[in-house]
Amino acid sequence: MIKATQLFSDEYLDRCAQMSTEEIARFLDDYRRIHGQVKVKSKLISLKVPEDLLAAFKFQARLENMPYQTKIKALMRDYLRTERK
């Protein structure tokens, strides 16, 4: 049986060496969540959204072959990952 070997660039290894403990912990937590290794509870919420906005959002999500609620959650994750200045 042949096992795959993953190679890392020098730039990637340098970046990893500069990561803080907090960044490493965040990376590992995100990795576990993305790969389904951590079961995260969901909370049912109620949100009022203008009908035309919701219809347009659902249409756009459908064009991307993504359920609109999944798209909302992806946008929320992206927003939280974006560095603020």
PDB file of N, CA and C in Angstrom:
ATOM      1  N   MET A   1       0.842  -1.183   0.000  1.00  0.00           N
ATOM      2  CA  MET A   1       0.000   0.000   0.000  1.00  0.00           C
ATOM      3  C   MET A   1       0.886   1.245   0.000  1.00  0.00           C
ATOM      4  N   ILE A   2       0.582   2.179  -0.876  1.00  0.00           N
ATOM      5  CA  ILE A   2       1.351   3.412  -0.974  1.00  0.00           C
ATOM      6  C   ILE A   2       0.625   4.503  -0.192  1.00  0.00           C
ATOM      7  N   LYS A   3       1.358   5.209   0.641  1.00  0.00           N
ATOM      8  CA  LYS A   3       0.775   6.306   1.406  1.00  0.00           C
ATOM      9  C   LYS A   3       1.162   7.632   0.765  1.00  0.00           C
ATOM     10  N   ALA A   4       0.221   8.540   0.758  1.00  0.00           N
ATOM     11  CA  ALA A   4       0.479   9.868   0.192  1.00  0.00           C
ATOM     12  C   ALA A   4       1.378  10.663   1.124  1.00  0.00           C
ATOM     13  N   THR A   5       2.248  11.439   0.540  1.00  0.00           N
ATOM     14  CA  THR A   5       3.124  12.321   1.304  1.00  0.00           C
ATOM     15  C   THR A   5       2.756  13.750   0.957  1.00  0.00           C
ATOM     16  N   GLN A   6       2.542  14.553   1.982  1.00  0.00           N
ATOM     17  CA  GLN A   6       2.201  15.942   1.738  1.00  0.00           C
ATOM     18  C   GLN A   6       3.459  16.783   1.864  1.00  0.00           C
ATOM     19  N   LEU A   7       3.690  17.620   0.885  1.00  0.00           N
ATOM     20  CA  LEU A   7       4.856  18.495   0.887  1.00  0.00           C
ATOM     21  C   LEU A   7       4.407  19.922   1.153  1.00  0.00           C
ATOM     22  N   PHE A   8       5.196  20.645   1.929  1.00  0.00           N
ATOM     23  CA  PHE A   8       4.873  22.025   2.274  1.00  0.00           C
ATOM     24  C   PHE A   8       5.968  22.946   1.751  1.00  0.00           C
ATOM     25  N   SER A   9       5.560  24.103   1.256  1.00  0.00           N
ATOM     26  CA  SER A   9       6.535  25.075   0.764  1.00  0.00           C
ATOM     27  C   SER A   9       7.262  25.710   1.949  1.00  0.00           C
ATOM     28  N   ASP A  10       8.421  26.260   1.673  1.00  0.00           N
ATOM     29  CA  ASP A  10       9.189  26.945   2.720  1.00  0.00           C
ATOM     30  C   ASP A  10       8.398  28.133   3.273  1.00  0.00           C
ATOM     31  N   GLU A  11       7.683  28.837   2.384  1.00  0.00           N
ATOM     32  CA  GLU A  11       6.885  29.979   2.827  1.00  0.00           C
ATOM     33  C   GLU A  11       5.795  29.539   3.807  1.00  0.00           C
ATOM     34  N   TYR A  12       5.137  28.426   3.493  1.00  0.00           N
ATOM     35  CA  TYR A  12       4.080  27.916   4.373  1.00  0.00           C
ATOM     36  C   TYR A  12       4.662  27.529   5.731  1.00  0.00           C
ATOM     37  N   LEU A  13       5.778  26.843   5.723  1.00  0.00           N
ATOM     38  CA  LEU A  13       6.409  26.428   6.987  1.00  0.00           C
ATOM     39  C   LEU A  13       6.870  27.638   7.796  1.00  0.00           C
ATOM     40  N   ASP A  14       7.376  28.666   7.122  1.00  0.00           N
ATOM     41  CA  ASP A  14       7.774  29.891   7.827  1.00  0.00           C
ATOM     42  C   ASP A  14       6.560  30.556   8.470  1.00  0.00           C
ATOM     43  N   ARG A  15       5.449  30.606   7.734  1.00  0.00           N
ATOM     44  CA  ARG A  15       4.215  31.210   8.272  1.00  0.00           C
ATOM     45  C   ARG A  15       3.728  30.430   9.491  1.00  0.00           C
ATOM     46  N   CYS A  16       3.770  29.110   9.397  1.00  0.00           N
ATOM     47  CA  CYS A  16       3.332  28.275  10.528  1.00  0.00           C
ATOM     48  C   CYS A  16       4.214  28.507  11.759  1.00  0.00           C
ATOM     49  N   ALA A  17       5.496  28.676  11.535  1.00  0.00           N
ATOM     50  CA  ALA A  17       6.416  28.896  12.651  1.00  0.00           C
ATOM     51  C   ALA A  17       6.151  30.222  13.349  1.00  0.00           C
ATOM     52  N   GLN A  18       5.532  31.171  12.643  1.00  0.00           N
ATOM     53  CA  GLN A  18       5.252  32.492  13.213  1.00  0.00           C
ATOM     54  C   GLN A  18       3.875  32.584  13.865  1.00  0.00           C
ATOM     55  N   MET A  19       3.089  31.504  13.790  1.00  0.00           N
ATOM     56  CA  MET A  19       1.732  31.535  14.348  1.00  0.00           C
ATOM     57  C   MET A  19       1.762  31.591  15.872  1.00  0.00           C
ATOM     58  N   SER A  20       0.855  32.371  16.421  1.00  0.00           N
ATOM     59  CA  SER A  20       0.725  32.443  17.872  1.00  0.00           C
ATOM     60  C   SER A  20      -0.030  31.218  18.371  1.00  0.00           C
ATOM     61  N   THR A  21       0.014  30.994  19.659  1.00  0.00           N
ATOM     62  CA  THR A  21      -0.727  29.883  20.256  1.00  0.00           C
ATOM     63  C   THR A  21      -2.212  30.021  19.959  1.00  0.00           C
ATOM     64  N   GLU A  22      -2.732  31.244  20.027  1.00  0.00           N
ATOM     65  CA  GLU A  22      -4.151  31.494  19.747  1.00  0.00           C
ATOM     66  C   GLU A  22      -4.493  31.151  18.302  1.00  0.00           C
ATOM     67  N   GLU A  23      -3.635  31.532  17.363  1.00  0.00           N
ATOM     68  CA  GLU A  23      -3.876  31.227  15.948  1.00  0.00           C
ATOM     69  C   GLU A  23      -3.861  29.723  15.697  1.00  0.00           C
ATOM     70  N   ILE A  24      -2.956  29.022  16.339  1.00  0.00           N
ATOM     71  CA  ILE A  24      -2.881  27.565  16.187  1.00  0.00           C
ATOM     72  C   ILE A  24      -4.147  26.918  16.740  1.00  0.00           C
ATOM     73  N   ALA A  25      -4.579  27.355  17.918  1.00  0.00           N
ATOM     74  CA  ALA A  25      -5.787  26.799  18.533  1.00  0.00           C
ATOM     75  C   ALA A  25      -7.002  27.071  17.656  1.00  0.00           C
ATOM     76  N   ARG A  26      -7.101  28.276  17.100  1.00  0.00           N
ATOM     77  CA  ARG A  26      -8.217  28.632  16.226  1.00  0.00           C
ATOM     78  C   ARG A  26      -8.200  27.770  14.963  1.00  0.00           C
ATOM     79  N   PHE A  27      -7.003  27.580  14.388  1.00  0.00           N
ATOM     80  CA  PHE A  27      -6.865  26.750  13.189  1.00  0.00           C
ATOM     81  C   PHE A  27      -7.337  25.324  13.468  1.00  0.00           C
ATOM     82  N   LEU A  28      -6.880  24.742  14.572  1.00  0.00           N
ATOM     83  CA  LEU A  28      -7.266  23.371  14.902  1.00  0.00           C
ATOM     84  C   LEU A  28      -8.764  23.249  15.159  1.00  0.00           C
ATOM     85  N   ASP A  29      -9.336  24.228  15.851  1.00  0.00           N
ATOM     86  CA  ASP A  29     -10.772  24.214  16.121  1.00  0.00           C
ATOM     87  C   ASP A  29     -11.563  24.320  14.812  1.00  0.00           C
ATOM     88  N   ASP A  30     -11.163  25.236  13.935  1.00  0.00           N
ATOM     89  CA  ASP A  30     -11.833  25.384  12.642  1.00  0.00           C
ATOM     90  C   ASP A  30     -11.718  24.099  11.824  1.00  0.00           C
ATOM     91  N   TYR A  31     -10.539  23.481  11.838  1.00  0.00           N
ATOM     92  CA  TYR A  31     -10.319  22.239  11.086  1.00  0.00           C
ATOM     93  C   TYR A  31     -11.268  21.150  11.569  1.00  0.00           C
ATOM     94  N   ARG A  32     -11.368  20.984  12.877  1.00  0.00           N
ATOM     95  CA  ARG A  32     -12.258  19.962  13.444  1.00  0.00           C
ATOM     96  C   ARG A  32     -13.710  20.224  13.058  1.00  0.00           C
ATOM     97  N   ARG A  33     -14.119  21.483  13.112  1.00  0.00           N
ATOM     98  CA  ARG A  33     -15.504  21.822  12.765  1.00  0.00           C
ATOM     99  C   ARG A  33     -15.779  21.585  11.280  1.00  0.00           C
ATOM    100  N   ILE A  34     -14.862  22.006  10.434  1.00  0.00           N
ATOM    101  CA  ILE A  34     -15.035  21.854   8.997  1.00  0.00           C
ATOM    102  C   ILE A  34     -15.118  20.380   8.606  1.00  0.00           C
ATOM    103  N   HIS A  35     -14.331  19.545   9.252  1.00  0.00           N
ATOM    104  CA  HIS A  35     -14.279  18.125   8.899  1.00  0.00           C
ATOM    105  C   HIS A  35     -15.207  17.271   9.752  1.00  0.00           C
ATOM    106  N   GLY A  36     -16.139  17.913  10.448  1.00  0.00           N
ATOM    107  CA  GLY A  36     -17.169  17.191  11.162  1.00  0.00           C
ATOM    108  C   GLY A  36     -16.702  16.421  12.379  1.00  0.00           C
ATOM    109  N   GLN A  37     -15.559  16.785  12.925  1.00  0.00           N
ATOM    110  CA  GLN A  37     -15.050  16.072  14.083  1.00  0.00           C
ATOM    111  C   GLN A  37     -15.616  16.613  15.389  1.00  0.00           C
ATOM    112  N   VAL A  38     -16.290  17.733  15.317  1.00  0.00           N
ATOM    113  CA  VAL A  38     -16.905  18.328  16.499  1.00  0.00           C
ATOM    114  C   VAL A  38     -18.377  18.551  16.181  1.00  0.00           C
ATOM    115  N   LYS A  39     -19.237  18.030  17.010  1.00  0.00           N
ATOM    116  CA  LYS A  39     -20.671  18.234  16.821  1.00  0.00           C
ATOM    117  C   LYS A  39     -21.041  19.567  17.454  1.00  0.00           C
ATOM    118  N   VAL A  40     -21.522  20.483  16.662  1.00  0.00           N
ATOM    119  CA  VAL A  40     -21.885  21.808  17.144  1.00  0.00           C
ATOM    120  C   VAL A  40     -23.405  21.919  17.148  1.00  0.00           C
ATOM    121  N   LYS A  41     -23.946  22.329  18.273  1.00  0.00           N
ATOM    122  CA  LYS A  41     -25.393  22.509  18.370  1.00  0.00           C
ATOM    123  C   LYS A  41     -25.806  23.732  17.560  1.00  0.00           C
ATOM    124  N   SER A  42     -26.973  23.653  16.985  1.00  0.00           N
ATOM    125  CA  SER A  42     -27.530  24.790  16.267  1.00  0.00           C
ATOM    126  C   SER A  42     -28.640  25.417  17.110  1.00  0.00           C
ATOM    127  N   LYS A  43     -28.831  26.705  16.939  1.00  0.00           N
ATOM    128  CA  LYS A  43     -29.840  27.456  17.673  1.00  0.00           C
ATOM    129  C   LYS A  43     -30.847  27.996  16.670  1.00  0.00           C
ATOM    130  N   LEU A  44     -32.096  27.683  16.876  1.00  0.00           N
ATOM    131  CA  LEU A  44     -33.149  28.200  16.032  1.00  0.00           C
ATOM    132  C   LEU A  44     -33.371  29.676  16.371  1.00  0.00           C
ATOM    133  N   ILE A  45     -33.336  30.527  15.329  1.00  0.00           N
ATOM    134  CA  ILE A  45     -33.561  31.957  15.545  1.00  0.00           C
ATOM    135  C   ILE A  45     -34.677  32.424  14.618  1.00  0.00           C
ATOM    136  N   SER A  46     -35.195  33.579  14.928  1.00  0.00           N
ATOM    137  CA  SER A  46     -36.194  34.212  14.081  1.00  0.00           C
ATOM    138  C   SER A  46     -35.590  35.526  13.604  1.00  0.00           C
ATOM    139  N   LEU A  47     -35.673  35.766  12.315  1.00  0.00           N
ATOM    140  CA  LEU A  47     -35.051  36.949  11.733  1.00  0.00           C
ATOM    141  C   LEU A  47     -35.991  37.533  10.694  1.00  0.00           C
ATOM    142  N   LYS A  48     -36.327  38.791  10.853  1.00  0.00           N
ATOM    143  CA  LYS A  48     -37.176  39.453   9.864  1.00  0.00           C
ATOM    144  C   LYS A  48     -36.292  39.995   8.746  1.00  0.00           C
ATOM    145  N   VAL A  49     -36.638  39.620   7.514  1.00  0.00           N
ATOM    146  CA  VAL A  49     -35.882  40.042   6.339  1.00  0.00           C
ATOM    147  C   VAL A  49     -36.889  40.514   5.299  1.00  0.00           C
ATOM    148  N   PRO A  50     -36.635  41.645   4.639  1.00  0.00           N
ATOM    149  CA  PRO A  50     -37.544  42.078   3.581  1.00  0.00           C
ATOM    150  C   PRO A  50     -37.723  40.962   2.540  1.00  0.00           C
ATOM    151  N   GLU A  51     -38.961  40.759   2.107  1.00  0.00           N
ATOM    152  CA  GLU A  51     -39.281  39.650   1.206  1.00  0.00           C
ATOM    153  C   GLU A  51     -38.462  39.680  -0.080  1.00  0.00           C
ATOM    154  N   ASP A  52     -38.291  40.880  -0.654  1.00  0.00           N
ATOM    155  CA  ASP A  52     -37.535  40.955  -1.908  1.00  0.00           C
ATOM    156  C   ASP A  52     -36.064  40.587  -1.713  1.00  0.00           C
ATOM    157  N   LEU A  53     -35.498  40.982  -0.581  1.00  0.00           N
ATOM    158  CA  LEU A  53     -34.112  40.636  -0.274  1.00  0.00           C
ATOM    159  C   LEU A  53     -33.968  39.128  -0.102  1.00  0.00           C
ATOM    160  N   LEU A  54     -34.882  38.515   0.635  1.00  0.00           N
ATOM    161  CA  LEU A  54     -34.832  37.073   0.847  1.00  0.00           C
ATOM    162  C   LEU A  54     -35.007  36.319  -0.465  1.00  0.00           C
ATOM    163  N   ALA A  55     -35.936  36.747  -1.294  1.00  0.00           N
ATOM    164  CA  ALA A  55     -36.162  36.090  -2.585  1.00  0.00           C
ATOM    165  C   ALA A  55     -34.914  36.170  -3.460  1.00  0.00           C
ATOM    166  N   ALA A  56     -34.296  37.336  -3.509  1.00  0.00           N
ATOM    167  CA  ALA A  56     -33.077  37.504  -4.309  1.00  0.00           C
ATOM    168  C   ALA A  56     -31.937  36.656  -3.750  1.00  0.00           C
ATOM    169  N   PHE A  57     -31.830  36.600  -2.420  1.00  0.00           N
ATOM    170  CA  PHE A  57     -30.775  35.817  -1.780  1.00  0.00           C
ATOM    171  C   PHE A  57     -30.968  34.328  -2.069  1.00  0.00           C
ATOM    172  N   LYS A  58     -32.207  33.846  -1.938  1.00  0.00           N
ATOM    173  CA  LYS A  58     -32.502  32.440  -2.218  1.00  0.00           C
ATOM    174  C   LYS A  58     -32.179  32.105  -3.674  1.00  0.00           C
ATOM    175  N   PHE A  59     -32.530  33.017  -4.587  1.00  0.00           N
ATOM    176  CA  PHE A  59     -32.260  32.809  -6.007  1.00  0.00           C
ATOM    177  C   PHE A  59     -30.759  32.699  -6.261  1.00  0.00           C
ATOM    178  N   GLN A  60     -29.998  33.598  -5.663  1.00  0.00           N
ATOM    179  CA  GLN A  60     -28.543  33.583  -5.846  1.00  0.00           C
ATOM    180  C   GLN A  60     -27.937  32.308  -5.263  1.00  0.00           C
ATOM    181  N   ALA A  61     -28.392  31.902  -4.097  1.00  0.00           N
ATOM    182  CA  ALA A  61     -27.888  30.674  -3.475  1.00  0.00           C
ATOM    183  C   ALA A  61     -28.213  29.462  -4.353  1.00  0.00           C
ATOM    184  N   ARG A  62     -29.418  29.459  -4.930  1.00  0.00           N
ATOM    185  CA  ARG A  62     -29.815  28.364  -5.816  1.00  0.00           C
ATOM    186  C   ARG A  62     -28.897  28.304  -7.038  1.00  0.00           C
ATOM    187  N   LEU A  63     -28.498  29.464  -7.569  1.00  0.00           N
ATOM    188  CA  LEU A  63     -27.567  29.503  -8.706  1.00  0.00           C
ATOM    189  C   LEU A  63     -26.216  28.887  -8.342  1.00  0.00           C
ATOM    190  N   GLU A  64     -25.859  28.974  -7.059  1.00  0.00           N
ATOM    191  CA  GLU A  64     -24.600  28.397  -6.576  1.00  0.00           C
ATOM    192  C   GLU A  64     -24.789  26.965  -6.085  1.00  0.00           C
ATOM    193  N   ASN A  65     -25.991  26.415  -6.296  1.00  0.00           N
ATOM    194  CA  ASN A  65     -26.313  25.057  -5.835  1.00  0.00           C
ATOM    195  C   ASN A  65     -26.076  24.886  -4.343  1.00  0.00           C
ATOM    196  N   MET A  66     -26.492  25.895  -3.582  1.00  0.00           N
ATOM    197  CA  MET A  66     -26.316  25.858  -2.142  1.00  0.00           C
ATOM    198  C   MET A  66     -27.632  26.242  -1.472  1.00  0.00           C
ATOM    199  N   PRO A  67     -28.056  25.472  -0.460  1.00  0.00           N
ATOM    200  CA  PRO A  67     -29.243  25.894   0.288  1.00  0.00           C
ATOM    201  C   PRO A  67     -29.006  27.279   0.897  1.00  0.00           C
ATOM    202  N   TYR A  68     -30.024  28.114   0.880  1.00  0.00           N
ATOM    203  CA  TYR A  68     -29.811  29.504   1.292  1.00  0.00           C
ATOM    204  C   TYR A  68     -29.403  29.630   2.758  1.00  0.00           C
ATOM    205  N   GLN A  69     -29.900  28.749   3.632  1.00  0.00           N
ATOM    206  CA  GLN A  69     -29.500  28.835   5.035  1.00  0.00           C
ATOM    207  C   GLN A  69     -28.032  28.446   5.210  1.00  0.00           C
ATOM    208  N   THR A  70     -27.569  27.487   4.412  1.00  0.00           N
ATOM    209  CA  THR A  70     -26.152  27.113   4.427  1.00  0.00           C
ATOM    210  C   THR A  70     -25.309  28.299   3.971  1.00  0.00           C
ATOM    211  N   LYS A  71     -25.800  29.019   2.952  1.00  0.00           N
ATOM    212  CA  LYS A  71     -25.088  30.202   2.446  1.00  0.00           C
ATOM    213  C   LYS A  71     -25.021  31.292   3.512  1.00  0.00           C
ATOM    214  N   ILE A  72     -26.105  31.488   4.250  1.00  0.00           N
ATOM    215  CA  ILE A  72     -26.108  32.477   5.327  1.00  0.00           C
ATOM    216  C   ILE A  72     -25.038  32.126   6.359  1.00  0.00           C
ATOM    217  N   LYS A  73     -24.978  30.845   6.754  1.00  0.00           N
ATOM    218  CA  LYS A  73     -23.984  30.423   7.745  1.00  0.00           C
ATOM    219  C   LYS A  73     -22.561  30.584   7.212  1.00  0.00           C
ATOM    220  N   ALA A  74     -22.356  30.301   5.924  1.00  0.00           N
ATOM    221  CA  ALA A  74     -21.031  30.477   5.324  1.00  0.00           C
ATOM    222  C   ALA A  74     -20.627  31.948   5.349  1.00  0.00           C
ATOM    223  N   LEU A  75     -21.565  32.827   5.036  1.00  0.00           N
ATOM    224  CA  LEU A  75     -21.279  34.268   5.067  1.00  0.00           C
ATOM    225  C   LEU A  75     -20.962  34.724   6.490  1.00  0.00           C
ATOM    226  N   MET A  76     -21.662  34.177   7.464  1.00  0.00           N
ATOM    227  CA  MET A  76     -21.392  34.532   8.864  1.00  0.00           C
ATOM    228  C   MET A  76     -19.988  34.091   9.266  1.00  0.00           C
ATOM    229  N   ARG A  77     -19.603  32.860   8.866  1.00  0.00           N
ATOM    230  CA  ARG A  77     -18.240  32.369   9.176  1.00  0.00           C
ATOM    231  C   ARG A  77     -17.184  33.244   8.502  1.00  0.00           C
ATOM    232  N   ASP A  78     -17.417  33.576   7.222  1.00  0.00           N
ATOM    233  CA  ASP A  78     -16.466  34.432   6.497  1.00  0.00           C
ATOM    234  C   ASP A  78     -16.326  35.783   7.180  1.00  0.00           C
ATOM    235  N   TYR A  79     -17.436  36.342   7.610  1.00  0.00           N
ATOM    236  CA  TYR A  79     -17.416  37.642   8.297  1.00  0.00           C
ATOM    237  C   TYR A  79     -16.575  37.557   9.568  1.00  0.00           C
ATOM    238  N   LEU A  80     -16.721  36.485  10.331  1.00  0.00           N
ATOM    239  CA  LEU A  80     -15.971  36.343  11.575  1.00  0.00           C
ATOM    240  C   LEU A  80     -14.481  36.100  11.331  1.00  0.00           C
ATOM    241  N   ARG A  81     -14.145  35.521  10.202  1.00  0.00           N
ATOM    242  CA  ARG A  81     -12.738  35.246   9.881  1.00  0.00           C
ATOM    243  C   ARG A  81     -12.027  36.461   9.294  1.00  0.00           C
ATOM    244  N   THR A  82     -12.775  37.438   8.822  1.00  0.00           N
ATOM    245  CA  THR A  82     -12.189  38.620   8.199  1.00  0.00           C
ATOM    246  C   THR A  82     -11.543  39.490   9.259  1.00  0.00           C
ATOM    247  N   GLU A  83     -10.294  39.848   9.007  1.00  0.00           N
ATOM    248  CA  GLU A  83      -9.579  40.710   9.963  1.00  0.00           C
ATOM    249  C   GLU A  83     -10.159  42.112   9.927  1.00  0.00           C
ATOM    250  N   ARG A  84     -10.375  42.651  11.074  1.00  0.00           N
ATOM    251  CA  ARG A  84     -10.908  44.020  11.202  1.00  0.00           C
ATOM    252  C   ARG A  84      -9.752  44.974  11.489  1.00  0.00           C
ATOM    253  N   LYS A  85      -9.853  46.165  10.944  1.00  0.00           N
ATOM    254  CA  LYS A  85      -8.796  47.170  11.185  1.00  0.00           C
ATOM    255  C   LYS A  85      -9.322  48.291  12.011  1.00  0.00           C
TER     256      LYS A  85
END
